Amino acid sequence: MHSAPLNREKKELVGALSGIFSYMDEHIRFFSAMFLNQRTVVFRERMLGVITELIQEKIDKQGINQDMDKEMITQFTASAFVGLVEWWITNNMHHKTRIMAEQVWKLFERNDIRHIS
């Protein structure tokens, strides 16, 4: 893969992820309440469902990770992302939204899941 397309992909995904983290930051009271109350399981499952669908679409569309079970890579990546978001929110978001987005990009890049947006 050439450097220019990879840089464009990174810029697009980091931008999309920054938007997600910024939205959560702006609505921290809501997200904190959702992760810290008794209904955490329901909220977490819904969030996981949305993220899982996005990842599955990208895997199917782009044929990435062909040497792995699609369901397994989808569940692993979605669970990791939702768990990371939950950790970030419940730990008072001690990392800036842009840092979170860039770190998630690197994690997705390692697993060839770069095109989620």
N, C-alpha and C. Protein backbone atom coordinates (compact mmCIF):
# COMPACT_ATOMS: atom_id res chain seq x y z
N MET A 1 0.84 -1.18 0.00
CA MET A 1 0.00 0.00 0.00
C MET A 1 0.88 1.23 0.00
N HIS A 2 0.53 2.20 -0.82
CA HIS A 2 1.30 3.43 -0.90
C HIS A 2 1.05 4.30 0.31
N SER A 3 2.00 5.15 0.59
CA SER A 3 1.93 6.02 1.75
C SER A 3 0.78 7.02 1.67
N ALA A 4 0.53 7.61 0.50
CA ALA A 4 -0.53 8.62 0.36
C ALA A 4 -1.91 8.07 0.71
N PRO A 5 -2.31 6.89 0.15
CA PRO A 5 -3.62 6.36 0.53
C PRO A 5 -3.70 6.03 2.03
N LEU A 6 -2.63 5.51 2.59
CA LEU A 6 -2.62 5.18 4.01
C LEU A 6 -2.76 6.45 4.84
N ASN A 7 -2.05 7.51 4.46
CA ASN A 7 -2.17 8.78 5.18
C ASN A 7 -3.58 9.34 5.09
N ARG A 8 -4.21 9.21 3.91
CA ARG A 8 -5.59 9.68 3.73
C ARG A 8 -6.54 8.87 4.61
N GLU A 9 -6.35 7.54 4.62
CA GLU A 9 -7.17 6.67 5.46
C GLU A 9 -7.03 7.05 6.93
N LYS A 10 -5.78 7.27 7.34
CA LYS A 10 -5.53 7.63 8.73
C LYS A 10 -6.21 8.94 9.07
N LYS A 11 -6.07 9.94 8.19
CA LYS A 11 -6.67 11.24 8.44
C LYS A 11 -8.19 11.12 8.54
N GLU A 12 -8.79 10.34 7.64
CA GLU A 12 -10.25 10.17 7.66
C GLU A 12 -10.72 9.46 8.92
N LEU A 13 -10.05 8.37 9.28
CA LEU A 13 -10.49 7.61 10.45
C LEU A 13 -10.21 8.37 11.73
N VAL A 14 -9.05 8.97 11.85
CA VAL A 14 -8.75 9.75 13.06
C VAL A 14 -9.74 10.90 13.19
N GLY A 15 -10.10 11.52 12.07
CA GLY A 15 -11.10 12.59 12.10
C GLY A 15 -12.45 12.08 12.57
N ALA A 16 -12.88 10.93 12.05
CA ALA A 16 -14.16 10.35 12.46
C ALA A 16 -14.12 9.95 13.94
N LEU A 17 -13.04 9.33 14.36
CA LEU A 17 -12.92 8.92 15.76
C LEU A 17 -12.85 10.14 16.68
N SER A 18 -12.15 11.18 16.25
CA SER A 18 -12.09 12.41 17.04
C SER A 18 -13.49 12.97 17.24
N GLY A 19 -14.30 12.91 16.19
CA GLY A 19 -15.68 13.38 16.29
C GLY A 19 -16.47 12.58 17.29
N ILE A 20 -16.29 11.27 17.29
CA ILE A 20 -16.99 10.40 18.24
C ILE A 20 -16.56 10.73 19.67
N PHE A 21 -15.25 10.80 19.89
CA PHE A 21 -14.76 11.10 21.24
C PHE A 21 -15.16 12.51 21.68
N SER A 22 -15.14 13.46 20.76
CA SER A 22 -15.56 14.83 21.10
C SER A 22 -17.04 14.87 21.48
N TYR A 23 -17.85 14.13 20.74
CA TYR A 23 -19.28 14.07 21.05
C TYR A 23 -19.48 13.51 22.46
N MET A 24 -18.76 12.45 22.77
CA MET A 24 -18.86 11.86 24.11
C MET A 24 -18.38 12.84 25.17
N ASP A 25 -17.32 13.57 24.86
CA ASP A 25 -16.80 14.57 25.78
C ASP A 25 -17.84 15.67 26.03
N GLU A 26 -18.49 16.12 24.98
CA GLU A 26 -19.51 17.17 25.10
C GLU A 26 -20.74 16.69 25.87
N HIS A 27 -21.00 15.41 25.83
CA HIS A 27 -22.18 14.84 26.50
C HIS A 27 -21.76 13.88 27.62
N ILE A 28 -20.71 14.26 28.32
CA ILE A 28 -20.12 13.40 29.33
C ILE A 28 -21.10 12.99 30.42
N ARG A 29 -21.98 13.88 30.81
CA ARG A 29 -22.93 13.55 31.88
C ARG A 29 -23.80 12.37 31.45
N PHE A 30 -24.26 12.40 30.22
CA PHE A 30 -25.08 11.30 29.72
C PHE A 30 -24.28 10.00 29.68
N PHE A 31 -23.11 10.04 29.04
CA PHE A 31 -22.32 8.82 28.88
C PHE A 31 -21.82 8.29 30.23
N SER A 32 -21.46 9.17 31.14
CA SER A 32 -21.06 8.72 32.47
C SER A 32 -22.21 8.01 33.16
N ALA A 33 -23.38 8.61 33.08
CA ALA A 33 -24.56 8.00 33.71
C ALA A 33 -24.85 6.64 33.09
N MET A 34 -24.70 6.54 31.77
CA MET A 34 -25.00 5.28 31.10
C MET A 34 -24.00 4.17 31.48
N PHE A 35 -22.76 4.53 31.66
CA PHE A 35 -21.77 3.52 32.01
C PHE A 35 -21.70 3.24 33.50
N LEU A 36 -22.17 4.16 34.33
CA LEU A 36 -21.99 4.00 35.77
C LEU A 36 -23.25 3.58 36.52
N ASN A 37 -24.37 3.41 35.82
CA ASN A 37 -25.57 3.01 36.55
C ASN A 37 -25.94 1.56 36.29
N GLN A 38 -27.08 1.16 36.79
CA GLN A 38 -27.52 -0.23 36.70
C GLN A 38 -27.82 -0.66 35.26
N ARG A 39 -28.06 0.29 34.39
CA ARG A 39 -28.43 -0.05 33.01
C ARG A 39 -27.21 -0.14 32.09
N THR A 40 -26.06 -0.20 32.66
CA THR A 40 -24.83 -0.26 31.88
C THR A 40 -24.86 -1.38 30.86
N VAL A 41 -25.34 -2.53 31.25
CA VAL A 41 -25.33 -3.70 30.37
C VAL A 41 -26.14 -3.43 29.11
N VAL A 42 -27.33 -2.88 29.26
CA VAL A 42 -28.19 -2.61 28.10
C VAL A 42 -27.53 -1.59 27.18
N PHE A 43 -27.03 -0.50 27.74
CA PHE A 43 -26.37 0.53 26.94
C PHE A 43 -25.15 -0.03 26.24
N ARG A 44 -24.35 -0.76 26.99
CA ARG A 44 -23.12 -1.34 26.43
C ARG A 44 -23.43 -2.29 25.29
N GLU A 45 -24.48 -3.12 25.45
CA GLU A 45 -24.86 -4.07 24.40
C GLU A 45 -25.33 -3.35 23.14
N ARG A 46 -26.08 -2.27 23.32
CA ARG A 46 -26.53 -1.51 22.14
C ARG A 46 -25.36 -0.86 21.42
N MET A 47 -24.47 -0.27 22.19
CA MET A 47 -23.29 0.35 21.60
C MET A 47 -22.44 -0.70 20.88
N LEU A 48 -22.28 -1.85 21.51
CA LEU A 48 -21.52 -2.94 20.92
C LEU A 48 -22.17 -3.40 19.62
N GLY A 49 -23.50 -3.45 19.59
CA GLY A 49 -24.20 -3.85 18.37
C GLY A 49 -23.95 -2.90 17.21
N VAL A 50 -23.96 -1.61 17.48
CA VAL A 50 -23.72 -0.62 16.43
C VAL A 50 -22.29 -0.73 15.91
N ILE A 51 -21.34 -0.81 16.81
CA ILE A 51 -19.93 -0.91 16.41
C ILE A 51 -19.67 -2.22 15.67
N THR A 52 -20.27 -3.29 16.13
CA THR A 52 -20.10 -4.60 15.48
C THR A 52 -20.60 -4.54 14.04
N GLU A 53 -21.75 -3.92 13.83
CA GLU A 53 -22.28 -3.79 12.46
C GLU A 53 -21.33 -3.02 11.56
N LEU A 54 -20.80 -1.91 12.07
CA LEU A 54 -19.87 -1.10 11.27
C LEU A 54 -18.63 -1.91 10.88
N ILE A 55 -18.09 -2.62 11.84
CA ILE A 55 -16.88 -3.41 11.58
C ILE A 55 -17.18 -4.54 10.61
N GLN A 56 -18.30 -5.24 10.80
CA GLN A 56 -18.66 -6.35 9.93
C GLN A 56 -18.85 -5.87 8.49
N GLU A 57 -19.48 -4.71 8.31
CA GLU A 57 -19.65 -4.16 6.96
C GLU A 57 -18.31 -3.92 6.29
N LYS A 58 -17.37 -3.37 7.03
CA LYS A 58 -16.06 -3.07 6.46
C LYS A 58 -15.30 -4.35 6.13
N ILE A 59 -15.38 -5.33 6.99
CA ILE A 59 -14.70 -6.60 6.73
C ILE A 59 -15.29 -7.25 5.49
N ASP A 60 -16.61 -7.28 5.39
CA ASP A 60 -17.27 -7.88 4.23
C ASP A 60 -16.96 -7.11 2.95
N LYS A 61 -17.01 -5.80 3.03
CA LYS A 61 -16.82 -4.94 1.86
C LYS A 61 -15.39 -4.98 1.34
N GLN A 62 -14.43 -5.00 2.24
CA GLN A 62 -13.04 -4.87 1.84
C GLN A 62 -12.27 -6.18 1.89
N GLY A 63 -12.87 -7.23 2.39
CA GLY A 63 -12.21 -8.52 2.42
C GLY A 63 -10.97 -8.55 3.29
N ILE A 64 -10.95 -7.74 4.34
CA ILE A 64 -9.77 -7.72 5.19
C ILE A 64 -9.77 -8.89 6.16
N ASN A 65 -8.59 -9.21 6.65
CA ASN A 65 -8.40 -10.31 7.60
C ASN A 65 -8.98 -11.62 7.09
N GLN A 66 -8.72 -11.91 5.83
CA GLN A 66 -9.25 -13.12 5.21
C GLN A 66 -8.75 -14.41 5.87
N ASP A 67 -7.63 -14.33 6.56
CA ASP A 67 -7.08 -15.53 7.17
C ASP A 67 -7.66 -15.78 8.57
N MET A 68 -8.63 -14.97 8.98
CA MET A 68 -9.24 -15.12 10.30
C MET A 68 -10.74 -15.28 10.18
N ASP A 69 -11.34 -15.86 11.19
CA ASP A 69 -12.78 -15.99 11.26
C ASP A 69 -13.38 -14.59 11.37
N LYS A 70 -14.28 -14.23 10.45
CA LYS A 70 -14.84 -12.87 10.41
C LYS A 70 -15.59 -12.52 11.68
N GLU A 71 -16.36 -13.46 12.19
CA GLU A 71 -17.12 -13.18 13.40
C GLU A 71 -16.19 -12.93 14.59
N MET A 72 -15.12 -13.70 14.66
CA MET A 72 -14.18 -13.55 15.77
C MET A 72 -13.46 -12.20 15.72
N ILE A 73 -12.97 -11.79 14.55
CA ILE A 73 -12.27 -10.52 14.45
C ILE A 73 -13.23 -9.36 14.69
N THR A 74 -14.47 -9.50 14.23
CA THR A 74 -15.48 -8.47 14.45
C THR A 74 -15.78 -8.31 15.93
N GLN A 75 -16.04 -9.41 16.61
CA GLN A 75 -16.35 -9.35 18.04
C GLN A 75 -15.18 -8.84 18.85
N PHE A 76 -13.98 -9.28 18.52
CA PHE A 76 -12.78 -8.84 19.23
C PHE A 76 -12.60 -7.33 19.10
N THR A 77 -12.67 -6.84 17.88
CA THR A 77 -12.44 -5.42 17.63
C THR A 77 -13.53 -4.56 18.24
N ALA A 78 -14.78 -4.95 18.06
CA ALA A 78 -15.90 -4.17 18.62
C ALA A 78 -15.85 -4.16 20.14
N SER A 79 -15.61 -5.30 20.75
CA SER A 79 -15.53 -5.38 22.22
C SER A 79 -14.38 -4.55 22.76
N ALA A 80 -13.26 -4.60 22.06
CA ALA A 80 -12.10 -3.81 22.49
C ALA A 80 -12.42 -2.32 22.41
N PHE A 81 -13.06 -1.88 21.32
CA PHE A 81 -13.39 -0.47 21.17
C PHE A 81 -14.37 -0.01 22.24
N VAL A 82 -15.44 -0.76 22.45
CA VAL A 82 -16.44 -0.38 23.46
C VAL A 82 -15.80 -0.40 24.85
N GLY A 83 -14.98 -1.40 25.13
CA GLY A 83 -14.29 -1.45 26.42
C GLY A 83 -13.36 -0.27 26.63
N LEU A 84 -12.68 0.14 25.58
CA LEU A 84 -11.79 1.29 25.65
C LEU A 84 -12.59 2.57 25.91
N VAL A 85 -13.71 2.73 25.23
CA VAL A 85 -14.56 3.91 25.44
C VAL A 85 -15.08 3.93 26.88
N GLU A 86 -15.51 2.79 27.36
CA GLU A 86 -16.01 2.70 28.73
C GLU A 86 -14.90 3.06 29.73
N TRP A 87 -13.72 2.53 29.51
CA TRP A 87 -12.58 2.83 30.38
C TRP A 87 -12.27 4.33 30.36
N TRP A 88 -12.27 4.92 29.17
CA TRP A 88 -11.96 6.35 29.01
C TRP A 88 -12.96 7.20 29.78
N ILE A 89 -14.24 6.88 29.64
CA ILE A 89 -15.28 7.67 30.29
C ILE A 89 -15.26 7.47 31.80
N THR A 90 -15.15 6.24 32.25
CA THR A 90 -15.19 5.99 33.70
C THR A 90 -13.92 6.44 34.42
N ASN A 91 -12.87 6.74 33.67
CA ASN A 91 -11.63 7.25 34.25
C ASN A 91 -11.47 8.73 33.97
N ASN A 92 -12.59 9.43 33.91
CA ASN A 92 -12.62 10.89 33.77
C ASN A 92 -11.92 11.40 32.52
N MET A 93 -11.91 10.62 31.47
CA MET A 93 -11.37 11.02 30.17
C MET A 93 -10.01 11.70 30.29
N HIS A 94 -9.09 11.05 30.95
CA HIS A 94 -7.79 11.68 31.19
C HIS A 94 -6.91 11.78 29.95
N HIS A 95 -7.38 11.27 28.82
CA HIS A 95 -6.69 11.48 27.54
C HIS A 95 -7.56 12.36 26.66
N LYS A 96 -6.97 13.27 25.95
CA LYS A 96 -7.71 14.14 25.04
C LYS A 96 -8.34 13.33 23.91
N THR A 97 -9.41 13.87 23.34
CA THR A 97 -10.15 13.15 22.30
C THR A 97 -9.25 12.82 21.11
N ARG A 98 -8.40 13.72 20.71
CA ARG A 98 -7.52 13.49 19.56
C ARG A 98 -6.54 12.36 19.84
N ILE A 99 -6.01 12.30 21.05
CA ILE A 99 -5.09 11.21 21.44
C ILE A 99 -5.83 9.88 21.39
N MET A 100 -7.05 9.85 21.89
CA MET A 100 -7.84 8.62 21.85
C MET A 100 -8.03 8.17 20.41
N ALA A 101 -8.40 9.11 19.54
CA ALA A 101 -8.63 8.77 18.14
C ALA A 101 -7.36 8.23 17.48
N GLU A 102 -6.23 8.88 17.73
CA GLU A 102 -4.97 8.43 17.13
C GLU A 102 -4.54 7.07 17.65
N GLN A 103 -4.75 6.82 18.93
CA GLN A 103 -4.40 5.52 19.50
C GLN A 103 -5.30 4.42 18.95
N VAL A 104 -6.59 4.71 18.81
CA VAL A 104 -7.51 3.73 18.24
C VAL A 104 -7.13 3.45 16.80
N TRP A 105 -6.74 4.48 16.04
CA TRP A 105 -6.27 4.27 14.67
C TRP A 105 -5.13 3.25 14.67
N LYS A 106 -4.16 3.45 15.55
CA LYS A 106 -3.01 2.54 15.58
C LYS A 106 -3.44 1.12 15.92
N LEU A 107 -4.37 0.98 16.83
CA LEU A 107 -4.87 -0.35 17.17
C LEU A 107 -5.62 -0.98 16.00
N PHE A 108 -6.45 -0.20 15.32
CA PHE A 108 -7.16 -0.70 14.15
C PHE A 108 -6.17 -1.04 13.03
N GLU A 109 -5.16 -0.22 12.86
CA GLU A 109 -4.17 -0.44 11.83
C GLU A 109 -3.48 -1.78 12.04
N ARG A 110 -3.16 -2.09 13.28
CA ARG A 110 -2.50 -3.36 13.59
C ARG A 110 -3.34 -4.57 13.20
N ASN A 111 -4.68 -4.38 13.26
CA ASN A 111 -5.59 -5.48 12.92
C ASN A 111 -6.22 -5.30 11.55
N ASP A 112 -5.67 -4.36 10.75
CA ASP A 112 -6.14 -4.11 9.40
C ASP A 112 -7.63 -3.74 9.39
N ILE A 113 -8.07 -2.94 10.37
CA ILE A 113 -9.43 -2.44 10.43
C ILE A 113 -9.32 -0.91 10.42
N ARG A 114 -8.95 -0.36 9.28
CA ARG A 114 -8.67 1.08 9.25
C ARG A 114 -9.78 1.90 8.66
N HIS A 115 -10.74 1.32 8.06
CA HIS A 115 -11.69 2.08 7.25
C HIS A 115 -13.05 2.25 7.91
N ILE A 116 -13.12 2.21 9.22
CA ILE A 116 -14.40 2.30 9.91
C ILE A 116 -14.77 3.75 10.08
N SER A 117 -15.84 4.14 9.51
CA SER A 117 -16.37 5.50 9.68
C SER A 117 -17.77 5.57 9.16
